[in-house]
Amino acid sequence: MRRLWWGLQAAVFLMCSLPLSFLPVKAGELFGLILCYLWKGRREIATDNLKKSVALHALSLPYSPEEMIREHFKNLGRSFIEIIKIYYGRGKGILRETTIKGLENFEQAKAKGKGVIFLTGHCGNWELLAIAFSFHVTSSSLVARRLNNPYLNTLLERARSRFGNRAVYKQGALRAIISTLRSGGNVAILMDQAVLAEEGFVIDFLGRGAWTSKMPALIARKTAAAVLPVFIRRNGKGHEITIHPEVSLSSLSDYEHAVREDTQRFSRFIEDYIRTNPSQWLWLHRRWKRVPQ
């Protein structure tokens, strides 16, 4: 029965998504606004998250939190249409209009031969980030959570792998990640979602304590791979990818303290992105859950 339900969901998605691939990307803004008003629970979570960050002076806004969250949902809608277009082979224009800054930082890190860890978050169109990088430069392994529906997961995999990327799922991912890095490959990790206590540390994130994964720091220390923060932002009609210089690891002698400092250091790049592009981060996630504030 479950597989029948999953198959029905996938069939409905395919029937609805194909017509969407013919729409202009800007039409996604309307889709995002509809989602904003219908998905009341997540809209309230997003607005509350944003208001608390403003109240703590962790960031400032050019207009009200409510307006900013509407812009946030509009960005999600546009991102959805862009990925749909790429899935159906109609996204070459989107990929060509995505530019890359700081490519020399990647080339320098790659030349070391120890592999590259791309650090990013749910910023801009994060799915497009990996696809566009593989289109313009080279492919990477992407650490991701498998969708509950295996048929929908397969559809998403096809979009991600269109130009050679490979998904590495969190369950049992460590061995595959280390193997990829030791062979000189690239691994992309999103590190801005709350994790369980055994998976990370509580660090400061936009003025509040938040559980944050220590996996990137542990892997970087184990493999000596270069750590490069990489982000994508919507820039007019297109997108701009920025590759930051390699981040140095902590020199603290205590290993646990050093890993914590690395984790905080990595996370600062995501905070900086949010302060500059507040509508393009995933505010509707419960980033600060399980931490008494």
Protein backbone atom coordinates (compact mmCIF):
# COMPACT_ATOMS: atom_id res chain seq x y z
CA MET A 1 0.00 0.00 0.00
CA ARG A 2 2.83 2.39 0.87
CA ARG A 3 4.55 1.84 -2.47
CA LEU A 4 1.26 2.45 -4.26
CA TRP A 5 0.88 5.76 -2.39
CA TRP A 6 4.48 6.72 -3.18
CA GLY A 7 3.94 5.87 -6.85
CA LEU A 8 0.78 7.97 -6.94
CA GLN A 9 2.61 10.93 -5.39
CA ALA A 10 5.39 10.66 -7.98
CA ALA A 11 2.89 10.40 -10.85
CA VAL A 12 1.01 13.48 -9.66
CA PHE A 13 4.28 15.37 -9.30
CA LEU A 14 5.33 14.51 -12.85
CA MET A 15 1.96 15.49 -14.30
CA CYS A 16 1.98 18.83 -12.46
CA SER A 17 5.65 19.67 -12.87
CA LEU A 18 5.91 19.22 -16.65
CA PRO A 19 3.62 22.19 -17.42
CA LEU A 20 5.53 24.26 -14.84
CA SER A 21 8.75 23.73 -16.80
CA PHE A 22 7.31 25.90 -19.61
CA LEU A 23 6.63 28.86 -17.31
CA PRO A 24 9.04 31.79 -16.95
CA VAL A 25 11.09 31.66 -13.77
CA LYS A 26 9.42 34.82 -12.49
CA ALA A 27 6.11 32.94 -12.38
CA GLY A 28 7.63 31.05 -9.47
CA GLU A 29 7.15 34.16 -7.34
CA LEU A 30 3.38 33.68 -7.51
CA PHE A 31 3.81 30.03 -6.58
CA GLY A 32 5.93 31.09 -3.62
CA LEU A 33 3.38 33.65 -2.44
CA ILE A 34 0.59 31.06 -2.62
CA LEU A 35 2.76 28.70 -0.55
CA CYS A 36 3.42 31.52 1.92
CA TYR A 37 -0.28 32.08 2.60
CA LEU A 38 -1.30 28.41 2.58
CA TRP A 39 1.59 27.09 4.70
CA LYS A 40 0.67 29.10 7.78
CA GLY A 41 2.64 27.02 10.28
CA ARG A 42 5.94 27.38 8.45
CA ARG A 43 5.27 31.04 7.67
CA GLU A 44 4.87 31.69 11.39
CA ILE A 45 8.07 29.76 12.22
CA ALA A 46 9.98 31.75 9.61
CA THR A 47 8.62 35.10 10.81
CA ASP A 48 9.36 34.26 14.44
CA ASN A 49 12.92 33.17 13.61
CA LEU A 50 13.54 36.38 11.72
CA LYS A 51 12.01 38.66 14.36
CA LYS A 52 14.13 37.13 17.13
CA SER A 53 17.32 37.59 15.11
CA VAL A 54 16.41 41.23 14.53
CA ALA A 55 15.54 41.75 18.20
CA LEU A 56 18.96 40.39 19.21
CA HIS A 57 20.60 42.81 16.74
CA ALA A 58 22.09 39.85 14.88
CA LEU A 59 20.96 41.43 11.60
CA SER A 60 19.07 44.45 10.32
CA LEU A 61 16.39 44.54 7.62
CA PRO A 62 15.59 47.05 4.88
CA TYR A 63 11.87 46.45 5.52
CA SER A 64 9.52 44.61 7.88
CA PRO A 65 10.00 40.94 8.84
CA GLU A 66 6.62 40.08 7.27
CA GLU A 67 7.66 41.61 3.95
CA MET A 68 11.05 39.88 4.15
CA ILE A 69 9.41 36.49 4.67
CA ARG A 70 7.19 37.09 1.63
CA GLU A 71 10.37 37.77 -0.36
CA HIS A 72 11.82 34.58 1.12
CA PHE A 73 8.90 32.49 -0.16
CA LYS A 74 9.11 34.19 -3.55
CA ASN A 75 12.76 33.11 -3.72
CA LEU A 76 11.74 29.53 -2.88
CA GLY A 77 9.13 29.60 -5.64
CA ARG A 78 11.58 30.86 -8.23
CA SER A 79 14.13 28.26 -7.12
CA PHE A 80 11.56 25.49 -7.51
CA ILE A 81 10.73 26.52 -11.08
CA GLU A 82 14.44 26.74 -11.93
CA ILE A 83 15.11 23.19 -10.76
CA ILE A 84 12.01 21.91 -12.58
CA LYS A 85 13.29 23.49 -15.79
CA ILE A 86 16.71 21.89 -15.33
CA TYR A 87 15.09 18.50 -14.64
CA TYR A 88 13.22 18.63 -17.96
CA GLY A 89 16.26 19.87 -19.88
CA ARG A 90 14.98 23.45 -20.23
CA GLY A 91 17.46 25.08 -17.85
CA LYS A 92 20.58 25.69 -19.96
CA GLY A 93 19.85 29.43 -19.97
CA ILE A 94 19.66 29.46 -16.17
CA LEU A 95 23.00 27.67 -15.94
CA ARG A 96 24.68 29.94 -18.49
CA GLU A 97 23.47 33.02 -16.58
CA THR A 98 25.06 31.74 -13.36
CA THR A 99 28.49 33.30 -12.87
CA ILE A 100 31.33 32.19 -10.57
CA LYS A 101 33.60 34.44 -8.50
CA GLY A 102 36.71 33.17 -6.74
CA LEU A 103 37.38 30.19 -9.01
CA GLU A 104 41.09 30.72 -8.35
CA ASN A 105 40.46 29.76 -4.71
CA PHE A 106 39.12 26.39 -5.84
CA GLU A 107 42.00 25.84 -8.25
CA GLN A 108 44.57 26.57 -5.53
CA ALA A 109 42.84 24.22 -3.09
CA LYS A 110 42.47 21.52 -5.73
CA ALA A 111 46.17 21.69 -6.56
CA LYS A 112 47.02 20.46 -3.05
CA GLY A 113 45.64 17.04 -4.00
CA LYS A 114 43.89 16.40 -0.68
CA GLY A 115 40.34 16.94 -1.91
CA VAL A 116 38.02 19.90 -1.32
CA ILE A 117 35.16 20.29 1.15
CA PHE A 118 32.61 22.84 -0.05
CA LEU A 119 30.79 24.35 2.92
CA THR A 120 27.44 25.98 2.29
CA GLY A 121 23.92 26.30 3.65
CA HIS A 122 20.32 26.50 2.52
CA CYS A 123 21.07 29.80 0.84
CA GLY A 124 19.77 31.15 -2.45
CA ASN A 125 18.95 28.27 -4.79
CA TRP A 126 21.24 25.75 -3.08
CA GLU A 127 20.23 22.93 -5.45
CA LEU A 128 21.27 25.08 -8.42
CA LEU A 129 24.64 25.79 -6.74
CA ALA A 130 25.90 22.23 -7.17
CA ILE A 131 24.37 21.76 -10.63
CA ALA A 132 25.77 25.04 -11.96
CA PHE A 133 29.23 24.32 -10.55
CA SER A 134 29.28 20.93 -12.27
CA PHE A 135 28.04 22.57 -15.50
CA HIS A 136 30.79 25.22 -15.50
CA VAL A 137 33.67 23.53 -13.66
CA THR A 138 33.53 19.95 -12.35
CA SER A 139 31.29 17.51 -10.52
CA SER A 140 31.05 16.92 -6.76
CA SER A 141 29.58 14.53 -4.24
CA LEU A 142 26.64 16.06 -2.35
CA VAL A 143 25.83 15.09 1.22
CA ALA A 144 22.03 14.96 1.39
CA ARG A 145 19.08 13.49 3.25
CA ARG A 146 17.18 10.84 1.31
CA LEU A 147 13.52 11.73 0.66
CA ASN A 148 11.01 9.43 2.32
CA ASN A 149 9.37 8.72 -1.04
CA PRO A 150 11.93 6.67 -3.04
CA TYR A 151 10.34 7.55 -6.38
CA LEU A 152 10.49 11.29 -5.70
CA ASN A 153 14.03 10.79 -4.42
CA THR A 154 14.99 9.21 -7.74
CA LEU A 155 13.51 12.17 -9.62
CA LEU A 156 15.55 14.59 -7.50
CA GLU A 157 18.68 12.49 -8.02
CA ARG A 158 18.26 12.82 -11.79
CA ALA A 159 18.24 16.61 -11.53
CA ARG A 160 21.27 16.62 -9.23
CA SER A 161 23.26 14.22 -11.41
CA ARG A 162 22.48 15.84 -14.78
CA PHE A 163 26.09 17.06 -15.09
CA GLY A 164 27.86 14.38 -13.10
CA ASN A 165 27.15 15.11 -9.44
CA ARG A 166 26.56 12.23 -7.03
CA ALA A 167 24.39 12.18 -3.92
CA VAL A 168 25.90 10.74 -0.73
CA TYR A 169 23.21 10.05 1.85
CA LYS A 170 23.81 10.85 5.50
CA GLN A 171 23.26 7.31 6.74
CA GLY A 172 26.67 5.66 6.35
CA ALA A 173 28.09 8.64 4.43
CA LEU A 174 31.38 9.01 6.29
CA ARG A 175 33.25 6.25 4.47
CA ALA A 176 32.15 7.50 1.04
CA ILE A 177 33.08 11.10 1.90
CA ILE A 178 36.56 10.19 3.12
CA SER A 179 37.15 7.96 0.10
CA THR A 180 36.11 10.75 -2.27
CA LEU A 181 38.39 13.31 -0.60
CA ARG A 182 41.38 10.96 -0.45
CA SER A 183 41.04 10.41 -4.19
CA GLY A 184 41.18 14.19 -4.71
CA GLY A 185 37.45 14.71 -5.23
CA ASN A 186 35.04 17.37 -4.00
CA VAL A 187 32.34 17.01 -1.34
CA ALA A 188 29.62 19.60 -0.70
CA ILE A 189 28.10 19.81 2.80
CA LEU A 190 25.21 21.96 4.02
CA MET A 191 25.82 22.69 7.69
CA ASP A 192 23.06 25.09 8.73
CA GLN A 193 20.42 22.70 10.06
CA ALA A 194 19.92 21.58 13.66
CA VAL A 195 21.51 18.22 14.50
CA LEU A 196 21.29 15.81 17.43
CA ALA A 197 23.52 16.33 20.45
CA GLU A 198 25.88 13.49 19.52
CA GLU A 199 26.39 14.99 16.05
CA GLY A 200 27.56 18.48 16.97
CA PHE A 201 27.92 21.41 19.33
CA VAL A 202 25.74 24.26 20.49
CA ILE A 203 27.37 27.33 18.99
CA ASP A 204 26.26 30.92 18.52
CA PHE A 205 24.20 31.42 15.39
CA LEU A 206 22.67 34.86 14.80
CA GLY A 207 22.77 35.64 18.51
CA ARG A 208 21.30 32.37 19.80
CA GLY A 209 22.64 28.93 20.62
CA ALA A 210 22.02 26.37 17.87
CA TRP A 211 23.02 22.73 17.46
CA THR A 212 25.49 22.62 14.57
CA SER A 213 27.16 19.66 12.87
CA LYS A 214 30.79 19.03 13.72
CA MET A 215 31.17 16.61 10.78
CA PRO A 216 32.87 19.10 8.41
CA ALA A 217 35.53 19.93 11.00
CA LEU A 218 36.14 16.28 11.90
CA ILE A 219 36.45 15.26 8.24
CA ALA A 220 38.75 18.18 7.41
CA ARG A 221 41.08 17.21 10.25
CA LYS A 222 41.05 13.52 9.32
CA THR A 223 41.71 14.03 5.60
CA ALA A 224 43.58 17.37 5.45
CA ALA A 225 41.12 18.39 2.72
CA ALA A 226 40.82 22.11 1.96
CA VAL A 227 37.66 23.76 3.34
CA LEU A 228 36.08 26.34 1.02
CA PRO A 229 32.86 28.21 1.92
CA VAL A 230 30.74 28.48 -1.26
CA PHE A 231 27.45 30.33 -1.68
CA ILE A 232 24.98 31.25 -4.39
CA ARG A 233 22.81 34.33 -4.44
CA ARG A 234 20.17 35.64 -6.79
CA ASN A 235 21.64 38.56 -8.70
CA GLY A 236 19.15 40.36 -10.93
CA LYS A 237 17.98 37.89 -13.57
CA GLY A 238 20.72 35.38 -12.86
CA HIS A 239 22.78 33.93 -10.04
CA GLU A 240 26.28 34.51 -8.71
CA ILE A 241 28.36 31.80 -7.02
CA THR A 242 31.11 33.02 -4.67
CA ILE A 243 33.96 30.71 -3.66
CA HIS A 244 35.78 32.00 -0.58
CA PRO A 245 39.47 31.33 0.16
CA GLU A 246 40.41 28.21 2.11
CA VAL A 247 39.57 28.43 5.82
CA SER A 248 42.42 27.67 8.22
CA LEU A 249 41.66 25.17 10.98
CA SER A 250 42.02 26.03 14.66
CA SER A 251 45.46 25.79 16.22
CA LEU A 252 44.14 25.00 19.72
CA SER A 253 45.94 22.05 21.30
CA ASP A 254 42.80 20.55 22.83
CA TYR A 255 41.19 18.51 20.04
CA GLU A 256 37.57 18.92 21.20
CA HIS A 257 37.97 22.67 21.65
CA ALA A 258 39.67 22.94 18.27
CA VAL A 259 36.82 21.13 16.50
CA ARG A 260 34.31 23.39 18.24
CA GLU A 261 36.24 26.48 17.15
CA ASP A 262 36.40 25.17 13.57
CA THR A 263 32.64 24.61 13.60
CA GLN A 264 31.98 28.15 14.84
CA ARG A 265 34.42 29.55 12.28
CA PHE A 266 32.72 27.72 9.43
CA SER A 267 29.27 28.78 10.57
CA ARG A 268 30.27 32.47 10.57
CA PHE A 269 30.31 32.40 6.78
CA ILE A 270 26.65 31.38 6.71
CA GLU A 271 25.80 34.16 9.18
CA ASP A 272 27.60 36.69 6.98
CA TYR A 273 25.63 35.48 3.96
CA ILE A 274 22.33 35.87 5.83
CA ARG A 275 23.16 39.41 6.93
CA THR A 276 23.86 40.37 3.32
CA ASN A 277 21.01 38.38 1.74
CA PRO A 278 18.36 38.00 4.47
CA SER A 279 15.53 36.91 2.18
CA GLN A 280 17.58 34.10 0.60
CA TRP A 281 18.17 31.86 3.63
CA LEU A 282 15.79 29.07 4.71
CA TRP A 283 14.06 30.80 7.63
CA LEU A 284 11.25 28.25 7.86
CA HIS A 285 13.54 25.61 9.37
CA ARG A 286 13.55 25.22 13.19
CA ARG A 287 17.23 26.13 13.37
CA TRP A 288 17.29 26.79 17.14
CA LYS A 289 15.24 23.81 18.35
CA ARG A 290 16.19 21.79 21.45
CA VAL A 291 18.29 24.66 22.86
CA PRO A 292 16.93 26.59 25.87
CA GLN A 293 17.30 30.26 24.97
